[in-house]
Amino acid sequence: MLNTVCFFEVPADDPEKLQNFYSEMFGWKFQKVPGDFRYYKIDMGVDKPKGGLTARQDPMHGPVNYIKVLSVEESMEKAVKLGAQVVVPKKPVLGSGWFGVLLDPQGNRIGLWEEDASAL
């Protein structure tokens, strides 16, 4: 469903260590995403929303909710016109889709997600 939260992301200074907290607290399971980046899919035992645990990118990097949109590019253009700033421009998630991250006019991070199995 468009314009709804479809994914959340939790940043961590030590992602491997923080997994223990969420596993013990909520029973979540984690799966390392292939590659050099420290990123883990979160399995909560339900379909949606999905989640990820990532290495913190900067001291202000807090949790991010991703909103499913028809077009990341068009949504970013609209958001900028409404006073948002682009933090992460449109990037692919191979074989899954596209994402981008904004700061809303009051500095909150918002992720945008566009499904596209042909994303390269």
PDB file of N, CA and C in Angstrom:
ATOM      1  N   MET A   1       0.845  -1.167   0.000  1.00  0.00           N
ATOM      2  CA  MET A   1       0.000   0.000   0.000  1.00  0.00           C
ATOM      3  C   MET A   1       0.898   1.239   0.000  1.00  0.00           C
ATOM      4  N   LEU A   2       0.649   2.158  -0.914  1.00  0.00           N
ATOM      5  CA  LEU A   2       1.449   3.367  -1.029  1.00  0.00           C
ATOM      6  C   LEU A   2       1.223   4.311   0.145  1.00  0.00           C
ATOM      7  N   ASN A   3       2.240   5.118   0.415  1.00  0.00           N
ATOM      8  CA  ASN A   3       2.210   6.170   1.431  1.00  0.00           C
ATOM      9  C   ASN A   3       1.977   5.643   2.841  1.00  0.00           C
ATOM     10  N   THR A   4       2.439   4.429   3.100  1.00  0.00           N
ATOM     11  CA  THR A   4       2.397   3.853   4.443  1.00  0.00           C
ATOM     12  C   THR A   4       3.789   3.365   4.813  1.00  0.00           C
ATOM     13  N   VAL A   5       4.039   3.230   6.109  1.00  0.00           N
ATOM     14  CA  VAL A   5       5.327   2.718   6.572  1.00  0.00           C
ATOM     15  C   VAL A   5       5.450   1.264   6.129  1.00  0.00           C
ATOM     16  N   CYS A   6       6.539   0.949   5.433  1.00  0.00           N
ATOM     17  CA  CYS A   6       6.747  -0.411   4.937  1.00  0.00           C
ATOM     18  C   CYS A   6       8.029  -1.026   5.491  1.00  0.00           C
ATOM     19  N   PHE A   7       8.886  -0.217   6.147  1.00  0.00           N
ATOM     20  CA  PHE A   7      10.178  -0.705   6.610  1.00  0.00           C
ATOM     21  C   PHE A   7      10.679   0.246   7.681  1.00  0.00           C
ATOM     22  N   PHE A   8      11.365  -0.292   8.669  1.00  0.00           N
ATOM     23  CA  PHE A   8      12.020   0.563   9.662  1.00  0.00           C
ATOM     24  C   PHE A   8      13.469   0.141   9.777  1.00  0.00           C
ATOM     25  N   GLU A   9      14.291   1.078  10.240  1.00  0.00           N
ATOM     26  CA  GLU A   9      15.714   0.811  10.355  1.00  0.00           C
ATOM     27  C   GLU A   9      16.207   1.328  11.699  1.00  0.00           C
ATOM     28  N   VAL A  10      16.955   0.491  12.397  1.00  0.00           N
ATOM     29  CA  VAL A  10      17.514   0.843  13.695  1.00  0.00           C
ATOM     30  C   VAL A  10      19.027   0.979  13.542  1.00  0.00           C
ATOM     31  N   PRO A  11      19.594   2.154  13.806  1.00  0.00           N
ATOM     32  CA  PRO A  11      21.046   2.314  13.750  1.00  0.00           C
ATOM     33  C   PRO A  11      21.681   1.873  15.070  1.00  0.00           C
ATOM     34  N   ALA A  12      22.918   1.404  14.972  1.00  0.00           N
ATOM     35  CA  ALA A  12      23.612   0.934  16.168  1.00  0.00           C
ATOM     36  C   ALA A  12      25.097   1.242  16.072  1.00  0.00           C
ATOM     37  N   ASP A  13      25.689   1.596  17.204  1.00  0.00           N
ATOM     38  CA  ASP A  13      27.138   1.780  17.248  1.00  0.00           C
ATOM     39  C   ASP A  13      27.834   0.428  17.108  1.00  0.00           C
ATOM     40  N   ASP A  14      27.225  -0.622  17.654  1.00  0.00           N
ATOM     41  CA  ASP A  14      27.745  -1.984  17.566  1.00  0.00           C
ATOM     42  C   ASP A  14      26.587  -2.905  17.203  1.00  0.00           C
ATOM     43  N   PRO A  15      26.274  -3.026  15.889  1.00  0.00           N
ATOM     44  CA  PRO A  15      25.103  -3.795  15.466  1.00  0.00           C
ATOM     45  C   PRO A  15      25.093  -5.234  15.970  1.00  0.00           C
ATOM     46  N   GLU A  16      26.258  -5.870  15.979  1.00  0.00           N
ATOM     47  CA  GLU A  16      26.314  -7.260  16.418  1.00  0.00           C
ATOM     48  C   GLU A  16      25.930  -7.392  17.895  1.00  0.00           C
ATOM     49  N   LYS A  17      26.362  -6.463  18.705  1.00  0.00           N
ATOM     50  CA  LYS A  17      26.043  -6.497  20.137  1.00  0.00           C
ATOM     51  C   LYS A  17      24.573  -6.134  20.391  1.00  0.00           C
ATOM     52  N   LEU A  18      24.043  -5.147  19.660  1.00  0.00           N
ATOM     53  CA  LEU A  18      22.668  -4.709  19.873  1.00  0.00           C
ATOM     54  C   LEU A  18      21.657  -5.790  19.493  1.00  0.00           C
ATOM     55  N   GLN A  19      22.043  -6.691  18.618  1.00  0.00           N
ATOM     56  CA  GLN A  19      21.167  -7.801  18.252  1.00  0.00           C
ATOM     57  C   GLN A  19      20.747  -8.600  19.487  1.00  0.00           C
ATOM     58  N   ASN A  20      21.659  -8.762  20.426  1.00  0.00           N
ATOM     59  CA  ASN A  20      21.340  -9.520  21.643  1.00  0.00           C
ATOM     60  C   ASN A  20      20.175  -8.904  22.402  1.00  0.00           C
ATOM     61  N   PHE A  21      20.169  -7.569  22.506  1.00  0.00           N
ATOM     62  CA  PHE A  21      19.084  -6.889  23.201  1.00  0.00           C
ATOM     63  C   PHE A  21      17.740  -7.194  22.539  1.00  0.00           C
ATOM     64  N   TYR A  22      17.652  -6.971  21.218  1.00  0.00           N
ATOM     65  CA  TYR A  22      16.381  -7.165  20.522  1.00  0.00           C
ATOM     66  C   TYR A  22      15.968  -8.635  20.457  1.00  0.00           C
ATOM     67  N   SER A  23      16.945  -9.518  20.400  1.00  0.00           N
ATOM     68  CA  SER A  23      16.625 -10.952  20.423  1.00  0.00           C
ATOM     69  C   SER A  23      16.019 -11.353  21.762  1.00  0.00           C
ATOM     70  N   GLU A  24      16.641 -10.901  22.849  1.00  0.00           N
ATOM     71  CA  GLU A  24      16.147 -11.236  24.188  1.00  0.00           C
ATOM     72  C   GLU A  24      14.840 -10.510  24.509  1.00  0.00           C
ATOM     73  N   MET A  25      14.734  -9.257  24.088  1.00  0.00           N
ATOM     74  CA  MET A  25      13.567  -8.442  24.412  1.00  0.00           C
ATOM     75  C   MET A  25      12.320  -8.875  23.634  1.00  0.00           C
ATOM     76  N   PHE A  26      12.463  -9.085  22.319  1.00  0.00           N
ATOM     77  CA  PHE A  26      11.305  -9.322  21.459  1.00  0.00           C
ATOM     78  C   PHE A  26      11.340 -10.640  20.692  1.00  0.00           C
ATOM     79  N   GLY A  27      12.433 -11.383  20.801  1.00  0.00           N
ATOM     80  CA  GLY A  27      12.545 -12.634  20.064  1.00  0.00           C
ATOM     81  C   GLY A  27      12.880 -12.451  18.596  1.00  0.00           C
ATOM     82  N   TRP A  28      13.362 -11.267  18.219  1.00  0.00           N
ATOM     83  CA  TRP A  28      13.705 -11.018  16.823  1.00  0.00           C
ATOM     84  C   TRP A  28      14.937 -11.827  16.437  1.00  0.00           C
ATOM     85  N   LYS A  29      14.993 -12.213  15.140  1.00  0.00           N
ATOM     86  CA  LYS A  29      16.149 -12.913  14.588  1.00  0.00           C
ATOM     87  C   LYS A  29      16.787 -12.015  13.539  1.00  0.00           C
ATOM     88  N   PHE A  30      18.084 -12.195  13.335  1.00  0.00           N
ATOM     89  CA  PHE A  30      18.833 -11.328  12.427  1.00  0.00           C
ATOM     90  C   PHE A  30      19.572 -12.147  11.379  1.00  0.00           C
ATOM     91  N   GLN A  31      19.637 -11.596  10.155  1.00  0.00           N
ATOM     92  CA  GLN A  31      20.363 -12.240   9.065  1.00  0.00           C
ATOM     93  C   GLN A  31      21.254 -11.206   8.401  1.00  0.00           C
ATOM     94  N   LYS A  32      22.552 -11.469   8.360  1.00  0.00           N
ATOM     95  CA  LYS A  32      23.511 -10.556   7.733  1.00  0.00           C
ATOM     96  C   LYS A  32      23.222 -10.439   6.241  1.00  0.00           C
ATOM     97  N   VAL A  33      23.218  -9.211   5.749  1.00  0.00           N
ATOM     98  CA  VAL A  33      23.065  -8.953   4.324  1.00  0.00           C
ATOM     99  C   VAL A  33      24.455  -9.104   3.687  1.00  0.00           C
ATOM    100  N   PRO A  34      24.559  -9.780   2.545  1.00  0.00           N
ATOM    101  CA  PRO A  34      25.875  -9.963   1.913  1.00  0.00           C
ATOM    102  C   PRO A  34      26.562  -8.633   1.616  1.00  0.00           C
ATOM    103  N   GLY A  35      27.874  -8.632   1.695  1.00  0.00           N
ATOM    104  CA  GLY A  35      28.663  -7.442   1.388  1.00  0.00           C
ATOM    105  C   GLY A  35      29.448  -6.974   2.592  1.00  0.00           C
ATOM    106  N   ASP A  36      30.194  -5.897   2.388  1.00  0.00           N
ATOM    107  CA  ASP A  36      31.075  -5.364   3.428  1.00  0.00           C
ATOM    108  C   ASP A  36      30.359  -4.520   4.465  1.00  0.00           C
ATOM    109  N   PHE A  37      29.193  -3.973   4.115  1.00  0.00           N
ATOM    110  CA  PHE A  37      28.469  -3.087   5.024  1.00  0.00           C
ATOM    111  C   PHE A  37      27.840  -3.893   6.155  1.00  0.00           C
ATOM    112  N   ARG A  38      27.864  -3.372   7.358  1.00  0.00           N
ATOM    113  CA  ARG A  38      27.290  -4.045   8.522  1.00  0.00           C
ATOM    114  C   ARG A  38      25.790  -3.765   8.556  1.00  0.00           C
ATOM    115  N   TYR A  39      25.042  -4.660   7.923  1.00  0.00           N
ATOM    116  CA  TYR A  39      23.588  -4.507   7.827  1.00  0.00           C
ATOM    117  C   TYR A  39      22.943  -5.868   8.018  1.00  0.00           C
ATOM    118  N   TYR A  40      21.864  -5.893   8.813  1.00  0.00           N
ATOM    119  CA  TYR A  40      21.180  -7.139   9.147  1.00  0.00           C
ATOM    120  C   TYR A  40      19.681  -6.983   8.928  1.00  0.00           C
ATOM    121  N   LYS A  41      19.083  -7.948   8.230  1.00  0.00           N
ATOM    122  CA  LYS A  41      17.627  -7.993   8.128  1.00  0.00           C
ATOM    123  C   LYS A  41      17.081  -8.450   9.470  1.00  0.00           C
ATOM    124  N   ILE A  42      15.938  -7.883   9.859  1.00  0.00           N
ATOM    125  CA  ILE A  42      15.281  -8.275  11.103  1.00  0.00           C
ATOM    126  C   ILE A  42      14.086  -9.152  10.753  1.00  0.00           C
ATOM    127  N   ASP A  43      14.032 -10.324  11.355  1.00  0.00           N
ATOM    128  CA  ASP A  43      12.897 -11.229  11.204  1.00  0.00           C
ATOM    129  C   ASP A  43      12.106 -11.192  12.506  1.00  0.00           C
ATOM    130  N   MET A  44      10.910 -10.578  12.433  1.00  0.00           N
ATOM    131  CA  MET A  44      10.055 -10.459  13.612  1.00  0.00           C
ATOM    132  C   MET A  44       8.988 -11.540  13.637  1.00  0.00           C
ATOM    133  N   GLY A  45       9.025 -12.429  12.635  1.00  0.00           N
ATOM    134  CA  GLY A  45       8.034 -13.487  12.576  1.00  0.00           C
ATOM    135  C   GLY A  45       6.721 -13.053  11.950  1.00  0.00           C
ATOM    136  N   VAL A  46       6.680 -11.846  11.389  1.00  0.00           N
ATOM    137  CA  VAL A  46       5.484 -11.344  10.708  1.00  0.00           C
ATOM    138  C   VAL A  46       5.914 -10.746   9.375  1.00  0.00           C
ATOM    139  N   ASP A  47       4.950 -10.562   8.488  1.00  0.00           N
ATOM    140  CA  ASP A  47       5.260 -10.030   7.165  1.00  0.00           C
ATOM    141  C   ASP A  47       5.650  -8.557   7.157  1.00  0.00           C
ATOM    142  N   LYS A  48       4.828  -7.697   7.771  1.00  0.00           N
ATOM    143  CA  LYS A  48       5.071  -6.258   7.637  1.00  0.00           C
ATOM    144  C   LYS A  48       4.834  -5.552   8.949  1.00  0.00           C
ATOM    145  N   PRO A  49       5.484  -4.441   9.193  1.00  0.00           N
ATOM    146  CA  PRO A  49       6.568  -3.919   8.371  1.00  0.00           C
ATOM    147  C   PRO A  49       7.840  -4.739   8.570  1.00  0.00           C
ATOM    148  N   LYS A  50       8.751  -4.612   7.635  1.00  0.00           N
ATOM    149  CA  LYS A  50      10.038  -5.289   7.731  1.00  0.00           C
ATOM    150  C   LYS A  50      11.034  -4.327   8.356  1.00  0.00           C
ATOM    151  N   GLY A  51      12.152  -4.869   8.826  1.00  0.00           N
ATOM    152  CA  GLY A  51      13.111  -4.004   9.473  1.00  0.00           C
ATOM    153  C   GLY A  51      14.544  -4.391   9.197  1.00  0.00           C
ATOM    154  N   GLY A  52      15.430  -3.465   9.550  1.00  0.00           N
ATOM    155  CA  GLY A  52      16.855  -3.685   9.397  1.00  0.00           C
ATOM    156  C   GLY A  52      17.622  -3.043  10.538  1.00  0.00           C
ATOM    157  N   LEU A  53      18.761  -3.621  10.847  1.00  0.00           N
ATOM    158  CA  LEU A  53      19.678  -3.094  11.859  1.00  0.00           C
ATOM    159  C   LEU A  53      20.948  -2.721  11.118  1.00  0.00           C
ATOM    160  N   THR A  54      21.383  -1.474  11.252  1.00  0.00           N
ATOM    161  CA  THR A  54      22.502  -0.970  10.465  1.00  0.00           C
ATOM    162  C   THR A  54      23.544  -0.290  11.343  1.00  0.00           C
ATOM    163  N   ALA A  55      24.757  -0.205  10.837  1.00  0.00           N
ATOM    164  CA  ALA A  55      25.797   0.557  11.524  1.00  0.00           C
ATOM    165  C   ALA A  55      25.429   2.042  11.459  1.00  0.00           C
ATOM    166  N   ARG A  56      25.568   2.734  12.586  1.00  0.00           N
ATOM    167  CA  ARG A  56      25.255   4.168  12.647  1.00  0.00           C
ATOM    168  C   ARG A  56      26.195   4.933  11.721  1.00  0.00           C
ATOM    169  N   GLN A  57      25.629   5.827  10.903  1.00  0.00           N
ATOM    170  CA  GLN A  57      26.397   6.579   9.922  1.00  0.00           C
ATOM    171  C   GLN A  57      26.971   7.892  10.464  1.00  0.00           C
ATOM    172  N   ASP A  58      26.306   8.476  11.448  1.00  0.00           N
ATOM    173  CA  ASP A  58      26.777   9.716  12.059  1.00  0.00           C
ATOM    174  C   ASP A  58      26.090   9.845  13.411  1.00  0.00           C
ATOM    175  N   PRO A  59      26.567  10.736  14.290  1.00  0.00           N
ATOM    176  CA  PRO A  59      26.000  10.839  15.640  1.00  0.00           C
ATOM    177  C   PRO A  59      24.507  11.154  15.676  1.00  0.00           C
ATOM    178  N   MET A  60      23.987  11.805  14.644  1.00  0.00           N
ATOM    179  CA  MET A  60      22.566  12.167  14.606  1.00  0.00           C
ATOM    180  C   MET A  60      21.704  11.087  13.943  1.00  0.00           C
ATOM    181  N   HIS A  61      22.301  10.000  13.523  1.00  0.00           N
ATOM    182  CA  HIS A  61      21.583   8.929  12.813  1.00  0.00           C
ATOM    183  C   HIS A  61      20.695   8.178  13.802  1.00  0.00           C
ATOM    184  N   GLY A  62      19.419   8.482  13.769  1.00  0.00           N
ATOM    185  CA  GLY A  62      18.441   7.816  14.614  1.00  0.00           C
ATOM    186  C   GLY A  62      17.612   6.842  13.797  1.00  0.00           C
ATOM    187  N   PRO A  63      16.625   6.200  14.411  1.00  0.00           N
ATOM    188  CA  PRO A  63      15.755   5.280  13.677  1.00  0.00           C
ATOM    189  C   PRO A  63      15.082   5.984  12.496  1.00  0.00           C
ATOM    190  N   VAL A  64      14.864   5.218  11.427  1.00  0.00           N
ATOM    191  CA  VAL A  64      14.253   5.754  10.213  1.00  0.00           C
ATOM    192  C   VAL A  64      13.076   4.868   9.823  1.00  0.00           C
ATOM    193  N   ASN A  65      11.936   5.491   9.567  1.00  0.00           N
ATOM    194  CA  ASN A  65      10.790   4.786   8.998  1.00  0.00           C
ATOM    195  C   ASN A  65      10.777   5.055   7.502  1.00  0.00           C
ATOM    196  N   TYR A  66      10.616   3.986   6.725  1.00  0.00           N
ATOM    197  CA  TYR A  66      10.559   4.108   5.266  1.00  0.00           C
ATOM    198  C   TYR A  66       9.113   4.055   4.813  1.00  0.00           C
ATOM    199  N   ILE A  67       8.748   4.993   3.953  1.00  0.00           N
ATOM    200  CA  ILE A  67       7.408   5.109   3.410  1.00  0.00           C
ATOM    201  C   ILE A  67       7.424   4.592   1.974  1.00  0.00           C
ATOM    202  N   LYS A  68       6.499   3.697   1.645  1.00  0.00           N
ATOM    203  CA  LYS A  68       6.419   3.162   0.289  1.00  0.00           C
ATOM    204  C   LYS A  68       5.782   4.207  -0.619  1.00  0.00           C
ATOM    205  N   VAL A  69       6.492   4.532  -1.711  1.00  0.00           N
ATOM    206  CA  VAL A  69       6.013   5.522  -2.674  1.00  0.00           C
ATOM    207  C   VAL A  69       6.062   4.937  -4.083  1.00  0.00           C
ATOM    208  N   LEU A  70       5.373   5.579  -4.993  1.00  0.00           N
ATOM    209  CA  LEU A  70       5.373   5.146  -6.381  1.00  0.00           C
ATOM    210  C   LEU A  70       6.717   5.446  -7.031  1.00  0.00           C
ATOM    211  N   SER A  71       7.310   6.614  -6.707  1.00  0.00           N
ATOM    212  CA  SER A  71       8.575   7.041  -7.295  1.00  0.00           C
ATOM    213  C   SER A  71       9.405   7.783  -6.251  1.00  0.00           C
ATOM    214  N   VAL A  72      10.584   7.254  -5.925  1.00  0.00           N
ATOM    215  CA  VAL A  72      11.474   7.938  -4.983  1.00  0.00           C
ATOM    216  C   VAL A  72      11.866   9.303  -5.549  1.00  0.00           C
ATOM    217  N   GLU A  73      12.230   9.330  -6.812  1.00  0.00           N
ATOM    218  CA  GLU A  73      12.680  10.580  -7.425  1.00  0.00           C
ATOM    219  C   GLU A  73      11.606  11.666  -7.368  1.00  0.00           C
ATOM    220  N   GLU A  74      10.376  11.342  -7.784  1.00  0.00           N
ATOM    221  CA  GLU A  74       9.297  12.332  -7.760  1.00  0.00           C
ATOM    222  C   GLU A  74       8.946  12.738  -6.330  1.00  0.00           C
ATOM    223  N   SER A  75       8.973  11.786  -5.417  1.00  0.00           N
ATOM    224  CA  SER A  75       8.659  12.096  -4.020  1.00  0.00           C
ATOM    225  C   SER A  75       9.720  12.998  -3.403  1.00  0.00           C
ATOM    226  N   MET A  76      10.985  12.782  -3.752  1.00  0.00           N
ATOM    227  CA  MET A  76      12.056  13.649  -3.250  1.00  0.00           C
ATOM    228  C   MET A  76      11.897  15.065  -3.780  1.00  0.00           C
ATOM    229  N   GLU A  77      11.574  15.192  -5.056  1.00  0.00           N
ATOM    230  CA  GLU A  77      11.369  16.524  -5.643  1.00  0.00           C
ATOM    231  C   GLU A  77      10.244  17.251  -4.917  1.00  0.00           C
ATOM    232  N   LYS A  78       9.147  16.560  -4.677  1.00  0.00           N
ATOM    233  CA  LYS A  78       8.007  17.168  -3.977  1.00  0.00           C
ATOM    234  C   LYS A  78       8.405  17.561  -2.556  1.00  0.00           C
ATOM    235  N   ALA A  79       9.128  16.675  -1.858  1.00  0.00           N
ATOM    236  CA  ALA A  79       9.533  16.950  -0.479  1.00  0.00           C
ATOM    237  C   ALA A  79      10.437  18.176  -0.397  1.00  0.00           C
ATOM    238  N   VAL A  80      11.363  18.313  -1.334  1.00  0.00           N
ATOM    239  CA  VAL A  80      12.261  19.468  -1.345  1.00  0.00           C
ATOM    240  C   VAL A  80      11.458  20.753  -1.539  1.00  0.00           C
ATOM    241  N   LYS A  81      10.465  20.712  -2.428  1.00  0.00           N
ATOM    242  CA  LYS A  81       9.606  21.885  -2.630  1.00  0.00           C
ATOM    243  C   LYS A  81       8.837  22.245  -1.362  1.00  0.00           C
ATOM    244  N   LEU A  82       8.576  21.227  -0.523  1.00  0.00           N
ATOM    245  CA  LEU A  82       7.845  21.456   0.723  1.00  0.00           C
ATOM    246  C   LEU A  82       8.762  21.763   1.907  1.00  0.00           C
ATOM    247  N   GLY A  83      10.079  21.898   1.645  1.00  0.00           N
ATOM    248  CA  GLY A  83      11.010  22.308   2.684  1.00  0.00           C
ATOM    249  C   GLY A  83      11.918  21.227   3.236  1.00  0.00           C
ATOM    250  N   ALA A  84      11.882  20.027   2.665  1.00  0.00           N
ATOM    251  CA  ALA A  84      12.750  18.943   3.124  1.00  0.00           C
ATOM    252  C   ALA A  84      14.133  19.062   2.485  1.00  0.00           C
ATOM    253  N   GLN A  85      15.096  18.333   3.048  1.00  0.00           N
ATOM    254  CA  GLN A  85      16.449  18.258   2.500  1.00  0.00           C
ATOM    255  C   GLN A  85      16.758  16.799   2.193  1.00  0.00           C
ATOM    256  N   VAL A  86      17.447  16.555   1.090  1.00  0.00           N
ATOM    257  CA  VAL A  86      17.867  15.204   0.737  1.00  0.00           C
ATOM    258  C   VAL A  86      19.141  14.871   1.511  1.00  0.00           C
ATOM    259  N   VAL A  87      19.120  13.754   2.239  1.00  0.00           N
ATOM    260  CA  VAL A  87      20.289  13.278   2.987  1.00  0.00           C
ATOM    261  C   VAL A  87      20.993  12.180   2.192  1.00  0.00           C
ATOM    262  N   VAL A  88      20.209  11.249   1.660  1.00  0.00           N
ATOM    263  CA  VAL A  88      20.726  10.172   0.812  1.00  0.00           C
ATOM    264  C   VAL A  88      19.930  10.206  -0.481  1.00  0.00           C
ATOM    265  N   PRO A  89      20.581  10.511  -1.608  1.00  0.00           N
ATOM    266  CA  PRO A  89      19.858  10.531  -2.877  1.00  0.00           C
ATOM    267  C   PRO A  89      19.415   9.119  -3.265  1.00  0.00           C
ATOM    268  N   LYS A  90      18.556   9.040  -4.252  1.00  0.00           N
ATOM    269  CA  LYS A  90      18.025   7.756  -4.723  1.00  0.00           C
ATOM    270  C   LYS A  90      19.163   6.773  -5.009  1.00  0.00           C
ATOM    271  N   LYS A  91      19.065   5.587  -4.385  1.00  0.00           N
ATOM    272  CA  LYS A  91      20.070   4.534  -4.572  1.00  0.00           C
ATOM    273  C   LYS A  91      19.349   3.201  -4.742  1.00  0.00           C
ATOM    274  N   PRO A  92      19.977   2.257  -5.466  1.00  0.00           N
ATOM    275  CA  PRO A  92      19.338   0.955  -5.650  1.00  0.00           C
ATOM    276  C   PRO A  92      19.617  -0.017  -4.516  1.00  0.00           C
ATOM    277  N   VAL A  93      18.679  -0.923  -4.311  1.00  0.00           N
ATOM    278  CA  VAL A  93      18.889  -2.134  -3.525  1.00  0.00           C
ATOM    279  C   VAL A  93      18.702  -3.242  -4.560  1.00  0.00           C
ATOM    280  N   LEU A  94      19.801  -3.841  -4.960  1.00  0.00           N
ATOM    281  CA  LEU A  94      19.809  -4.749  -6.104  1.00  0.00           C
ATOM    282  C   LEU A  94      18.683  -5.769  -6.075  1.00  0.00           C
ATOM    283  N   GLY A  95      17.916  -5.770  -7.136  1.00  0.00           N
ATOM    284  CA  GLY A  95      16.840  -6.735  -7.300  1.00  0.00           C
ATOM    285  C   GLY A  95      15.628  -6.511  -6.422  1.00  0.00           C
ATOM    286  N   SER A  96      15.595  -5.402  -5.683  1.00  0.00           N
ATOM    287  CA  SER A  96      14.466  -5.139  -4.777  1.00  0.00           C
ATOM    288  C   SER A  96      13.773  -3.813  -5.034  1.00  0.00           C
ATOM    289  N   GLY A  97      14.567  -2.746  -5.188  1.00  0.00           N
ATOM    290  CA  GLY A  97      13.959  -1.446  -5.367  1.00  0.00           C
ATOM    291  C   GLY A  97      14.937  -0.309  -5.172  1.00  0.00           C
ATOM    292  N   TRP A  98      14.392   0.857  -4.885  1.00  0.00           N
ATOM    293  CA  TRP A  98      15.157   2.090  -4.726  1.00  0.00           C
ATOM    294  C   TRP A  98      14.814   2.719  -3.388  1.00  0.00           C
ATOM    295  N   PHE A  99      15.777   3.405  -2.787  1.00  0.00           N
ATOM    296  CA  PHE A  99      15.507   4.128  -1.553  1.00  0.00           C
ATOM    297  C   PHE A  99      16.200   5.470  -1.579  1.00  0.00           C
ATOM    298  N   GLY A 100      15.756   6.343  -0.717  1.00  0.00           N
ATOM    299  CA  GLY A 100      16.373   7.639  -0.490  1.00  0.00           C
ATOM    300  C   GLY A 100      15.976   8.084   0.905  1.00  0.00           C
ATOM    301  N   VAL A 101      16.734   9.033   1.467  1.00  0.00           N
ATOM    302  CA  VAL A 101      16.439   9.510   2.819  1.00  0.00           C
ATOM    303  C   VAL A 101      16.399  11.034   2.812  1.00  0.00           C
ATOM    304  N   LEU A 102      15.396  11.577   3.492  1.00  0.00           N
ATOM    305  CA  LEU A 102      15.186  13.021   3.604  1.00  0.00           C
ATOM    306  C   LEU A 102      15.247  13.457   5.055  1.00  0.00           C
ATOM    307  N   LEU A 103      15.447  14.746   5.258  1.00  0.00           N
ATOM    308  CA  LEU A 103      15.183  15.386   6.542  1.00  0.00           C
ATOM    309  C   LEU A 103      13.943  16.232   6.323  1.00  0.00           C
ATOM    310  N   ASP A 104      12.902  16.017   7.131  1.00  0.00           N
ATOM    311  CA  ASP A 104      11.709  16.844   6.988  1.00  0.00           C
ATOM    312  C   ASP A 104      12.032  18.269   7.437  1.00  0.00           C
ATOM    313  N   PRO A 105      11.130  19.233   7.279  1.00  0.00           N
ATOM    314  CA  PRO A 105      11.435  20.622   7.622  1.00  0.00           C
ATOM    315  C   PRO A 105      11.859  20.850   9.080  1.00  0.00           C
ATOM    316  N   GLN A 106      11.613  19.862   9.963  1.00  0.00           N
ATOM    317  CA  GLN A 106      12.038  20.019  11.352  1.00  0.00           C
ATOM    318  C   GLN A 106      13.170  19.063  11.725  1.00  0.00           C
ATOM    319  N   GLY A 107      13.821  18.478  10.719  1.00  0.00           N
ATOM    320  CA  GLY A 107      15.024  17.688  10.954  1.00  0.00           C
ATOM    321  C   GLY A 107      14.834  16.206  11.211  1.00  0.00           C
ATOM    322  N   ASN A 108      13.621  15.671  11.050  1.00  0.00           N
ATOM    323  CA  ASN A 108      13.388  14.239  11.245  1.00  0.00           C
ATOM    324  C   ASN A 108      13.718  13.481   9.967  1.00  0.00           C
ATOM    325  N   ARG A 109      14.379  12.326  10.119  1.00  0.00           N
ATOM    326  CA  ARG A 109      14.700  11.505   8.955  1.00  0.00           C
ATOM    327  C   ARG A 109      13.472  10.740   8.492  1.00  0.00           C
ATOM    328  N   ILE A 110      13.282  10.716   7.168  1.00  0.00           N
ATOM    329  CA  ILE A 110      12.219   9.946   6.525  1.00  0.00           C
ATOM    330  C   ILE A 110      12.864   9.177   5.389  1.00  0.00           C
ATOM    331  N   GLY A 111      12.620   7.885   5.343  1.00  0.00           N
ATOM    332  CA  GLY A 111      13.087   7.084   4.228  1.00  0.00           C
ATOM    333  C   GLY A 111      11.976   6.929   3.207  1.00  0.00           C
ATOM    334  N   LEU A 112      12.342   6.851   1.948  1.00  0.00           N
ATOM    335  CA  LEU A 112      11.393   6.596   0.870  1.00  0.00           C
ATOM    336  C   LEU A 112      11.775   5.275   0.220  1.00  0.00           C
ATOM    337  N   TRP A 113      10.788   4.450  -0.120  1.00  0.00           N
ATOM    338  CA  TRP A 113      11.033   3.147  -0.723  1.00  0.00           C
ATOM    339  C   TRP A 113      10.149   2.970  -1.954  1.00  0.00           C
ATOM    340  N   GLU A 114      10.782   2.559  -3.058  1.00  0.00           N
ATOM    341  CA  GLU A 114      10.086   2.267  -4.313  1.00  0.00           C
ATOM    342  C   GLU A 114      10.420   0.841  -4.715  1.00  0.00           C
ATOM    343  N   GLU A 115       9.422  -0.023  -4.757  1.00  0.00           N
ATOM    344  CA  GLU A 115       9.665  -1.410  -5.163  1.00  0.00           C
ATOM    345  C   GLU A 115       9.963  -1.473  -6.651  1.00  0.00           C
ATOM    346  N   ASP A 116      11.008  -2.242  -7.013  1.00  0.00           N
ATOM    347  CA  ASP A 116      11.385  -2.411  -8.414  1.00  0.00           C
ATOM    348  C   ASP A 116      12.375  -3.570  -8.487  1.00  0.00           C
ATOM    349  N   ALA A 117      11.888  -4.727  -8.892  1.00  0.00           N
ATOM    350  CA  ALA A 117      12.731  -5.933  -8.963  1.00  0.00           C
ATOM    351  C   ALA A 117      13.855  -5.783  -9.982  1.00  0.00           C
ATOM    352  N   SER A 118      13.776  -4.800 -10.888  1.00  0.00           N
ATOM    353  CA  SER A 118      14.834  -4.610 -11.882  1.00  0.00           C
ATOM    354  C   SER A 118      15.890  -3.592 -11.438  1.00  0.00           C
ATOM    355  N   ALA A 119      15.820  -3.128 -10.197  1.00  0.00           N
ATOM    356  CA  ALA A 119      16.785  -2.126  -9.704  1.00  0.00           C
ATOM    357  C   ALA A 119      18.205  -2.689  -9.752  1.00  0.00           C
ATOM    358  N   LEU A 120      19.111  -1.902 -10.290  1.00  0.00           N
ATOM    359  CA  LEU A 120      20.524  -2.296 -10.377  1.00  0.00           C
ATOM    360  C   LEU A 120      21.387  -1.327  -9.637  1.00  0.00           C
TER     361      LEU A 120
END
